[in-house]
PDB file of N, CA and C in Angstrom:
ATOM      1  N   MET A   1       3.458 -16.349  21.771  1.00  0.00           N
ATOM      2  CA  MET A   1       3.802 -14.818  21.338  1.00  0.00           C
ATOM      3  C   MET A   1       3.111 -14.714  20.004  1.00  0.00           C
ATOM      4  N   GLU A   2       2.376 -13.280  19.887  1.00  0.00           N
ATOM      5  CA  GLU A   2       2.016 -12.996  18.645  1.00  0.00           C
ATOM      6  C   GLU A   2       2.744 -12.513  17.891  1.00  0.00           C
ATOM      7  N   ALA A   3       2.864 -12.862  16.605  1.00  0.00           N
ATOM      8  CA  ALA A   3       3.719 -12.236  15.423  1.00  0.00           C
ATOM      9  C   ALA A   3       3.498 -10.785  15.152  1.00  0.00           C
ATOM     10  N   LYS A   4       4.504 -10.189  14.865  1.00  0.00           N
ATOM     11  CA  LYS A   4       4.156  -8.751  14.503  1.00  0.00           C
ATOM     12  C   LYS A   4       3.520  -8.627  13.050  1.00  0.00           C
ATOM     13  N   LYS A   5       2.570  -7.626  12.875  1.00  0.00           N
ATOM     14  CA  LYS A   5       1.935  -7.569  11.501  1.00  0.00           C
ATOM     15  C   LYS A   5       2.934  -6.591  10.555  1.00  0.00           C
ATOM     16  N   LYS A   6       2.990  -6.904   9.341  1.00  0.00           N
ATOM     17  CA  LYS A   6       3.895  -6.196   8.582  1.00  0.00           C
ATOM     18  C   LYS A   6       2.964  -4.646   8.063  1.00  0.00           C
ATOM     19  N   ILE A   7       3.412  -3.665   8.393  1.00  0.00           N
ATOM     20  CA  ILE A   7       2.831  -2.361   8.317  1.00  0.00           C
ATOM     21  C   ILE A   7       3.464  -1.450   7.201  1.00  0.00           C
ATOM     22  N   VAL A   8       2.984  -1.064   6.190  1.00  0.00           N
ATOM     23  CA  VAL A   8       3.642  -0.401   5.128  1.00  0.00           C
ATOM     24  C   VAL A   8       2.721   0.800   4.633  1.00  0.00           C
ATOM     25  N   THR A   9       3.582   1.920   4.536  1.00  0.00           N
ATOM     26  CA  THR A   9       2.972   3.114   4.110  1.00  0.00           C
ATOM     27  C   THR A   9       3.081   3.273   2.792  1.00  0.00           C
ATOM     28  N   CYS A  10       2.032   3.562   1.828  1.00  0.00           N
ATOM     29  CA  CYS A  10       1.905   3.784   0.556  1.00  0.00           C
ATOM     30  C   CYS A  10       0.720   4.823   0.112  1.00  0.00           C
ATOM     31  N   LYS A  11       0.926   5.152  -1.159  1.00  0.00           N
ATOM     32  CA  LYS A  11      -0.114   5.914  -1.875  1.00  0.00           C
ATOM     33  C   LYS A  11      -0.765   5.372  -2.802  1.00  0.00           C
ATOM     34  N   VAL A  12      -2.330   5.650  -2.291  1.00  0.00           N
ATOM     35  CA  VAL A  12      -3.388   5.210  -3.244  1.00  0.00           C
ATOM     36  C   VAL A  12      -3.511   5.607  -4.512  1.00  0.00           C
ATOM     37  N   VAL A  13      -3.488   4.669  -5.617  1.00  0.00           N
ATOM     38  CA  VAL A  13      -3.545   5.111  -6.731  1.00  0.00           C
ATOM     39  C   VAL A  13      -4.741   4.744  -7.645  1.00  0.00           C
ATOM     40  N   SER A  14      -5.505   3.765  -6.955  1.00  0.00           N
ATOM     41  CA  SER A  14      -7.057   3.540  -7.592  1.00  0.00           C
ATOM     42  C   SER A  14      -8.127   3.394  -6.752  1.00  0.00           C
ATOM     43  N   ASP A  15      -9.341   3.756  -6.858  1.00  0.00           N
ATOM     44  CA  ASP A  15     -10.227   3.586  -5.856  1.00  0.00           C
ATOM     45  C   ASP A  15     -11.579   3.262  -6.748  1.00  0.00           C
ATOM     46  N   LYS A  16     -11.393   2.643  -7.973  1.00  0.00           N
ATOM     47  CA  LYS A  16     -12.503   2.261  -8.875  1.00  0.00           C
ATOM     48  C   LYS A  16     -13.399   1.109  -8.142  1.00  0.00           C
ATOM     49  N   MET A  17     -12.982   0.117  -7.327  1.00  0.00           N
ATOM     50  CA  MET A  17     -13.582  -0.771  -6.718  1.00  0.00           C
ATOM     51  C   MET A  17     -14.286  -0.574  -5.541  1.00  0.00           C
ATOM     52  N   GLN A  18     -15.107  -1.468  -5.259  1.00  0.00           N
ATOM     53  CA  GLN A  18     -15.982  -1.067  -3.926  1.00  0.00           C
ATOM     54  C   GLN A  18     -15.185  -1.941  -2.780  1.00  0.00           C
ATOM     55  N   GLN A  19     -14.719  -1.364  -1.609  1.00  0.00           N
ATOM     56  CA  GLN A  19     -13.960  -1.734  -0.517  1.00  0.00           C
ATOM     57  C   GLN A  19     -12.745  -2.279  -0.815  1.00  0.00           C
ATOM     58  N   SER A  20     -12.196  -2.087  -2.149  1.00  0.00           N
ATOM     59  CA  SER A  20     -10.964  -2.500  -2.451  1.00  0.00           C
ATOM     60  C   SER A  20     -10.183  -1.170  -2.858  1.00  0.00           C
ATOM     61  N   ARG A  21      -8.880  -1.069  -2.780  1.00  0.00           N
ATOM     62  CA  ARG A  21      -8.046  -0.128  -3.270  1.00  0.00           C
ATOM     63  C   ARG A  21      -6.730  -0.517  -3.683  1.00  0.00           C
ATOM     64  N   VAL A  22      -6.226   0.099  -4.665  1.00  0.00           N
ATOM     65  CA  VAL A  22      -4.620  -0.102  -5.204  1.00  0.00           C
ATOM     66  C   VAL A  22      -3.902   0.870  -4.841  1.00  0.00           C
ATOM     67  N   ALA A  23      -2.809   0.591  -4.036  1.00  0.00           N
ATOM     68  CA  ALA A  23      -1.834   1.409  -3.631  1.00  0.00           C
ATOM     69  C   ALA A  23      -0.425   0.954  -4.231  1.00  0.00           C
ATOM     70  N   VAL A  24       0.483   2.095  -4.331  1.00  0.00           N
ATOM     71  CA  VAL A  24       2.155   1.784  -4.770  1.00  0.00           C
ATOM     72  C   VAL A  24       2.960   2.154  -3.760  1.00  0.00           C
ATOM     73  N   VAL A  25       3.929   1.345  -3.375  1.00  0.00           N
ATOM     74  CA  VAL A  25       4.905   1.499  -2.441  1.00  0.00           C
ATOM     75  C   VAL A  25       6.247   1.703  -3.269  1.00  0.00           C
ATOM     76  N   GLU A  26       6.854   2.874  -2.974  1.00  0.00           N
ATOM     77  CA  GLU A  26       8.050   3.295  -3.742  1.00  0.00           C
ATOM     78  C   GLU A  26       9.312   2.862  -2.885  1.00  0.00           C
ATOM     79  N   ARG A  27      10.272   2.708  -3.296  1.00  0.00           N
ATOM     80  CA  ARG A  27      11.574   2.593  -2.526  1.00  0.00           C
ATOM     81  C   ARG A  27      12.818   2.794  -3.530  1.00  0.00           C
ATOM     82  N   MET A  28      14.042   3.072  -2.950  1.00  0.00           N
ATOM     83  CA  MET A  28      15.118   3.577  -3.608  1.00  0.00           C
ATOM     84  C   MET A  28      16.194   2.412  -3.416  1.00  0.00           C
ATOM     85  N   ILE A  29      16.741   1.891  -4.665  1.00  0.00           N
ATOM     86  CA  ILE A  29      17.741   0.846  -4.650  1.00  0.00           C
ATOM     87  C   ILE A  29      19.003   1.389  -5.259  1.00  0.00           C
ATOM     88  N   LYS A  30      20.170   0.756  -4.694  1.00  0.00           N
ATOM     89  CA  LYS A  30      21.342   1.178  -5.479  1.00  0.00           C
ATOM     90  C   LYS A  30      21.782   0.392  -6.442  1.00  0.00           C
ATOM     91  N   HIS A  31      21.916   0.930  -7.620  1.00  0.00           N
ATOM     92  CA  HIS A  31      22.749   0.119  -8.831  1.00  0.00           C
ATOM     93  C   HIS A  31      23.775  -0.726  -8.525  1.00  0.00           C
ATOM     94  N   PRO A  32      24.033  -1.830  -8.769  1.00  0.00           N
ATOM     95  CA  PRO A  32      25.422  -2.766  -8.223  1.00  0.00           C
ATOM     96  C   PRO A  32      26.518  -2.032  -9.000  1.00  0.00           C
ATOM     97  N   VAL A  33      26.418  -1.621 -10.290  1.00  0.00           N
ATOM     98  CA  VAL A  33      27.546  -1.114 -11.081  1.00  0.00           C
ATOM     99  C   VAL A  33      27.739   0.144 -11.078  1.00  0.00           C
ATOM    100  N   ALA A  34      26.659   0.851 -11.461  1.00  0.00           N
ATOM    101  CA  ALA A  34      26.800   2.361 -11.809  1.00  0.00           C
ATOM    102  C   ALA A  34      26.706   3.032 -10.481  1.00  0.00           C
ATOM    103  N   ASP A  35      26.405   2.629  -9.133  1.00  0.00           N
ATOM    104  CA  ASP A  35      26.211   3.254  -7.793  1.00  0.00           C
ATOM    105  C   ASP A  35      25.542   4.661  -7.800  1.00  0.00           C
ATOM    106  N   LYS A  36      24.232   4.246  -8.753  1.00  0.00           N
ATOM    107  CA  LYS A  36      23.346   5.345  -8.689  1.00  0.00           C
ATOM    108  C   LYS A  36      22.113   4.822  -8.070  1.00  0.00           C
ATOM    109  N   TYR A  37      21.238   5.510  -7.565  1.00  0.00           N
ATOM    110  CA  TYR A  37      20.055   5.081  -6.916  1.00  0.00           C
ATOM    111  C   TYR A  37      19.018   5.212  -8.158  1.00  0.00           C
ATOM    112  N   MET A  38      18.024   4.057  -7.912  1.00  0.00           N
ATOM    113  CA  MET A  38      16.778   4.021  -8.837  1.00  0.00           C
ATOM    114  C   MET A  38      15.651   3.865  -8.087  1.00  0.00           C
ATOM    115  N   LYS A  39      14.614   4.284  -8.640  1.00  0.00           N
ATOM    116  CA  LYS A  39      13.379   4.259  -7.869  1.00  0.00           C
ATOM    117  C   LYS A  39      12.456   3.016  -8.296  1.00  0.00           C
ATOM    118  N   ARG A  40      12.305   2.149  -7.521  1.00  0.00           N
ATOM    119  CA  ARG A  40      11.600   0.772  -7.601  1.00  0.00           C
ATOM    120  C   ARG A  40      10.041   0.876  -6.878  1.00  0.00           C
ATOM    121  N   SER A  41       8.932   0.462  -7.529  1.00  0.00           N
ATOM    122  CA  SER A  41       7.685   0.519  -7.092  1.00  0.00           C
ATOM    123  C   SER A  41       7.071  -0.865  -7.042  1.00  0.00           C
ATOM    124  N   SER A  42       6.169  -1.148  -6.154  1.00  0.00           N
ATOM    125  CA  SER A  42       5.427  -2.429  -6.279  1.00  0.00           C
ATOM    126  C   SER A  42       3.902  -1.834  -5.906  1.00  0.00           C
ATOM    127  N   LYS A  43       2.994  -2.565  -6.700  1.00  0.00           N
ATOM    128  CA  LYS A  43       1.446  -2.233  -6.492  1.00  0.00           C
ATOM    129  C   LYS A  43       1.057  -3.381  -5.554  1.00  0.00           C
ATOM    130  N   LEU A  44       0.083  -2.634  -4.455  1.00  0.00           N
ATOM    131  CA  LEU A  44      -0.469  -3.843  -3.759  1.00  0.00           C
ATOM    132  C   LEU A  44      -1.993  -3.676  -3.647  1.00  0.00           C
ATOM    133  N   MET A  45      -2.978  -4.647  -3.331  1.00  0.00           N
ATOM    134  CA  MET A  45      -4.385  -4.392  -3.192  1.00  0.00           C
ATOM    135  C   MET A  45      -4.701  -4.433  -1.740  1.00  0.00           C
ATOM    136  N   PHE A  46      -5.659  -3.495  -0.902  1.00  0.00           N
ATOM    137  CA  PHE A  46      -5.882  -3.691   0.219  1.00  0.00           C
ATOM    138  C   PHE A  46      -7.438  -3.467   0.502  1.00  0.00           C
ATOM    139  N   HIS A  47      -7.869  -3.960   1.429  1.00  0.00           N
ATOM    140  CA  HIS A  47      -9.249  -3.852   1.787  1.00  0.00           C
ATOM    141  C   HIS A  47      -9.641  -2.555   2.637  1.00  0.00           C
ATOM    142  N   ASP A  48     -10.743  -1.703   2.188  1.00  0.00           N
ATOM    143  CA  ASP A  48     -11.193  -0.587   2.827  1.00  0.00           C
ATOM    144  C   ASP A  48     -12.506  -0.637   3.094  1.00  0.00           C
ATOM    145  N   GLU A  49     -13.017  -1.215   4.336  1.00  0.00           N
ATOM    146  CA  GLU A  49     -14.351  -1.432   4.383  1.00  0.00           C
ATOM    147  C   GLU A  49     -15.323  -0.264   4.213  1.00  0.00           C
ATOM    148  N   GLY A  50     -14.897   0.836   4.694  1.00  0.00           N
ATOM    149  CA  GLY A  50     -15.916   2.018   4.481  1.00  0.00           C
ATOM    150  C   GLY A  50     -15.726   2.736   3.324  1.00  0.00           C
ATOM    151  N   ASN A  51     -14.878   2.504   2.214  1.00  0.00           N
ATOM    152  CA  ASN A  51     -14.497   3.330   1.259  1.00  0.00           C
ATOM    153  C   ASN A  51     -13.928   4.769   1.647  1.00  0.00           C
ATOM    154  N   LEU A  52     -13.289   4.641   2.711  1.00  0.00           N
ATOM    155  CA  LEU A  52     -12.583   6.070   3.095  1.00  0.00           C
ATOM    156  C   LEU A  52     -11.721   6.758   2.456  1.00  0.00           C
ATOM    157  N   SER A  53     -10.630   5.867   1.762  1.00  0.00           N
ATOM    158  CA  SER A  53      -9.387   6.576   1.339  1.00  0.00           C
ATOM    159  C   SER A  53      -9.881   6.987  -0.235  1.00  0.00           C
ATOM    160  N   LYS A  54      -9.142   7.882  -0.682  1.00  0.00           N
ATOM    161  CA  LYS A  54      -9.273   8.202  -2.217  1.00  0.00           C
ATOM    162  C   LYS A  54      -7.945   8.446  -2.889  1.00  0.00           C
ATOM    163  N   VAL A  55      -7.989   8.504  -4.020  1.00  0.00           N
ATOM    164  CA  VAL A  55      -6.696   8.502  -4.927  1.00  0.00           C
ATOM    165  C   VAL A  55      -6.014   9.637  -4.303  1.00  0.00           C
ATOM    166  N   GLY A  56      -4.532   9.445  -4.288  1.00  0.00           N
ATOM    167  CA  GLY A  56      -3.446  10.348  -3.790  1.00  0.00           C
ATOM    168  C   GLY A  56      -3.158  10.602  -2.245  1.00  0.00           C
ATOM    169  N   ASP A  57      -4.275   9.755  -1.407  1.00  0.00           N
ATOM    170  CA  ASP A  57      -3.991   9.565  -0.047  1.00  0.00           C
ATOM    171  C   ASP A  57      -2.997   8.875   0.433  1.00  0.00           C
ATOM    172  N   ILE A  58      -2.133   9.327   1.469  1.00  0.00           N
ATOM    173  CA  ILE A  58      -1.171   8.452   1.927  1.00  0.00           C
ATOM    174  C   ILE A  58      -1.764   7.628   3.163  1.00  0.00           C
ATOM    175  N   VAL A  59      -1.614   6.307   2.906  1.00  0.00           N
ATOM    176  CA  VAL A  59      -2.151   5.287   3.890  1.00  0.00           C
ATOM    177  C   VAL A  59      -1.280   4.360   4.558  1.00  0.00           C
ATOM    178  N   SER A  60      -1.630   3.756   5.712  1.00  0.00           N
ATOM    179  CA  SER A  60      -0.862   2.737   6.200  1.00  0.00           C
ATOM    180  C   SER A  60      -1.782   1.572   6.312  1.00  0.00           C
ATOM    181  N   VAL A  61      -1.161   0.485   5.555  1.00  0.00           N
ATOM    182  CA  VAL A  61      -1.927  -1.067   5.587  1.00  0.00           C
ATOM    183  C   VAL A  61      -0.949  -1.683   6.383  1.00  0.00           C
ATOM    184  N   SER A  62      -1.896  -2.922   6.791  1.00  0.00           N
ATOM    185  CA  SER A  62      -0.995  -4.062   7.482  1.00  0.00           C
ATOM    186  C   SER A  62      -1.522  -5.579   6.719  1.00  0.00           C
ATOM    187  N   ALA A  63      -0.764  -6.233   6.996  1.00  0.00           N
ATOM    188  CA  ALA A  63      -0.656  -7.694   6.346  1.00  0.00           C
ATOM    189  C   ALA A  63      -1.895  -8.488   6.945  1.00  0.00           C
ATOM    190  N   CYS A  64      -2.664  -9.084   6.247  1.00  0.00           N
ATOM    191  CA  CYS A  64      -3.827  -9.971   6.727  1.00  0.00           C
ATOM    192  C   CYS A  64      -3.826 -11.266   6.150  1.00  0.00           C
ATOM    193  N   ARG A  65      -4.703 -11.922   6.509  1.00  0.00           N
ATOM    194  CA  ARG A  65      -5.086 -13.230   5.638  1.00  0.00           C
ATOM    195  C   ARG A  65      -5.509 -12.888   4.204  1.00  0.00           C
ATOM    196  N   PRO A  66      -5.315 -13.653   3.336  1.00  0.00           N
ATOM    197  CA  PRO A  66      -5.800 -13.352   1.923  1.00  0.00           C
ATOM    198  C   PRO A  66      -7.183 -13.101   1.836  1.00  0.00           C
ATOM    199  N   MET A  67      -7.710 -12.314   1.137  1.00  0.00           N
ATOM    200  CA  MET A  67      -9.056 -12.121   1.256  1.00  0.00           C
ATOM    201  C   MET A  67      -9.514 -12.220  -0.242  1.00  0.00           C
ATOM    202  N   SER A  68      -8.519 -12.501  -1.229  1.00  0.00           N
ATOM    203  CA  SER A  68      -8.880 -12.766  -2.596  1.00  0.00           C
ATOM    204  C   SER A  68      -7.523 -13.144  -3.245  1.00  0.00           C
ATOM    205  N   LYS A  69      -7.413 -13.303  -4.509  1.00  0.00           N
ATOM    206  CA  LYS A  69      -6.157 -13.736  -5.074  1.00  0.00           C
ATOM    207  C   LYS A  69      -5.205 -12.814  -5.020  1.00  0.00           C
ATOM    208  N   ARG A  70      -5.275 -11.375  -5.054  1.00  0.00           N
ATOM    209  CA  ARG A  70      -4.368 -10.405  -4.848  1.00  0.00           C
ATOM    210  C   ARG A  70      -4.356  -9.501  -3.685  1.00  0.00           C
ATOM    211  N   LYS A  71      -5.558  -9.695  -2.940  1.00  0.00           N
ATOM    212  CA  LYS A  71      -5.742  -8.663  -1.868  1.00  0.00           C
ATOM    213  C   LYS A  71      -5.506  -9.268  -0.504  1.00  0.00           C
ATOM    214  N   THR A  72      -4.279  -8.827   0.052  1.00  0.00           N
ATOM    215  CA  THR A  72      -3.679  -9.585   1.123  1.00  0.00           C
ATOM    216  C   THR A  72      -3.436  -8.528   2.299  1.00  0.00           C
ATOM    217  N   PHE A  73      -3.915  -7.117   2.123  1.00  0.00           N
ATOM    218  CA  PHE A  73      -3.624  -6.126   3.114  1.00  0.00           C
ATOM    219  C   PHE A  73      -5.015  -5.458   3.552  1.00  0.00           C
ATOM    220  N   ILE A  74      -5.022  -4.849   4.800  1.00  0.00           N
ATOM    221  CA  ILE A  74      -6.210  -4.372   5.331  1.00  0.00           C
ATOM    222  C   ILE A  74      -5.678  -2.842   5.694  1.00  0.00           C
ATOM    223  N   LEU A  75      -6.765  -1.798   5.489  1.00  0.00           N
ATOM    224  CA  LEU A  75      -6.401  -0.315   5.951  1.00  0.00           C
ATOM    225  C   LEU A  75      -6.386  -0.254   7.253  1.00  0.00           C
ATOM    226  N   GLU A  76      -5.236   0.253   7.810  1.00  0.00           N
ATOM    227  CA  GLU A  76      -5.116   0.614   9.167  1.00  0.00           C
ATOM    228  C   GLU A  76      -5.554   2.061   9.613  1.00  0.00           C
ATOM    229  N   LYS A  77      -4.931   3.039   8.795  1.00  0.00           N
ATOM    230  CA  LYS A  77      -5.154   4.505   8.917  1.00  0.00           C
ATOM    231  C   LYS A  77      -4.880   5.152   7.696  1.00  0.00           C
ATOM    232  N   ILE A  78      -5.540   6.390   7.581  1.00  0.00           N
ATOM    233  CA  ILE A  78      -5.179   7.505   6.791  1.00  0.00           C
ATOM    234  C   ILE A  78      -4.263   8.237   7.221  1.00  0.00           C
ATOM    235  N   GLU A  79      -2.977   8.587   6.696  1.00  0.00           N
ATOM    236  CA  GLU A  79      -1.725   9.354   7.173  1.00  0.00           C
ATOM    237  C   GLU A  79      -2.125  10.836   6.814  1.00  0.00           C
ATOM    238  N   SER A  80      -2.509  10.918   5.535  1.00  0.00           N
ATOM    239  CA  SER A  80      -2.731  12.191   5.043  1.00  0.00           C
ATOM    240  C   SER A  80      -3.634  12.137   3.796  1.00  0.00           C
ATOM    241  N   ARG A  81      -4.562  13.188   3.692  1.00  0.00           N
ATOM    242  CA  ARG A  81      -5.520  13.468   2.751  1.00  0.00           C
ATOM    243  C   ARG A  81      -5.058  14.129   1.327  1.00  0.00           C
ATOM    244  N   SER A  82      -5.455  13.791   0.325  1.00  0.00           N
ATOM    245  CA  SER A  82      -4.940  14.486  -0.916  1.00  0.00           C
ATOM    246  C   SER A  82      -5.819  15.833  -1.165  1.00  0.00           C
ATOM    247  N   GLU A  83      -5.326  16.706  -1.901  1.00  0.00           N
ATOM    248  CA  GLU A  83      -6.106  17.791  -1.981  1.00  0.00           C
ATOM    249  C   GLU A  83      -7.177  17.839  -3.115  1.00  0.00           C
TER     250      GLU A  83
END
């Protein structure tokens, strides 16, 4: 059986590199004492072979083998373009 790939939807925040992009994944967590929701974010790097995504785009990325020290995701598709 083939394992399912982890697919994440995130927003591109940097496109300064060739074939690499930085994206941020935001999530809401509940504070254990105050019972309020807080926004938490994680940055991840992904491989963009054709330099298709730009800053502000919403993209889907999937996990892959490590391509470098920090780059372990690859672009699946662009969900929506930024204006």
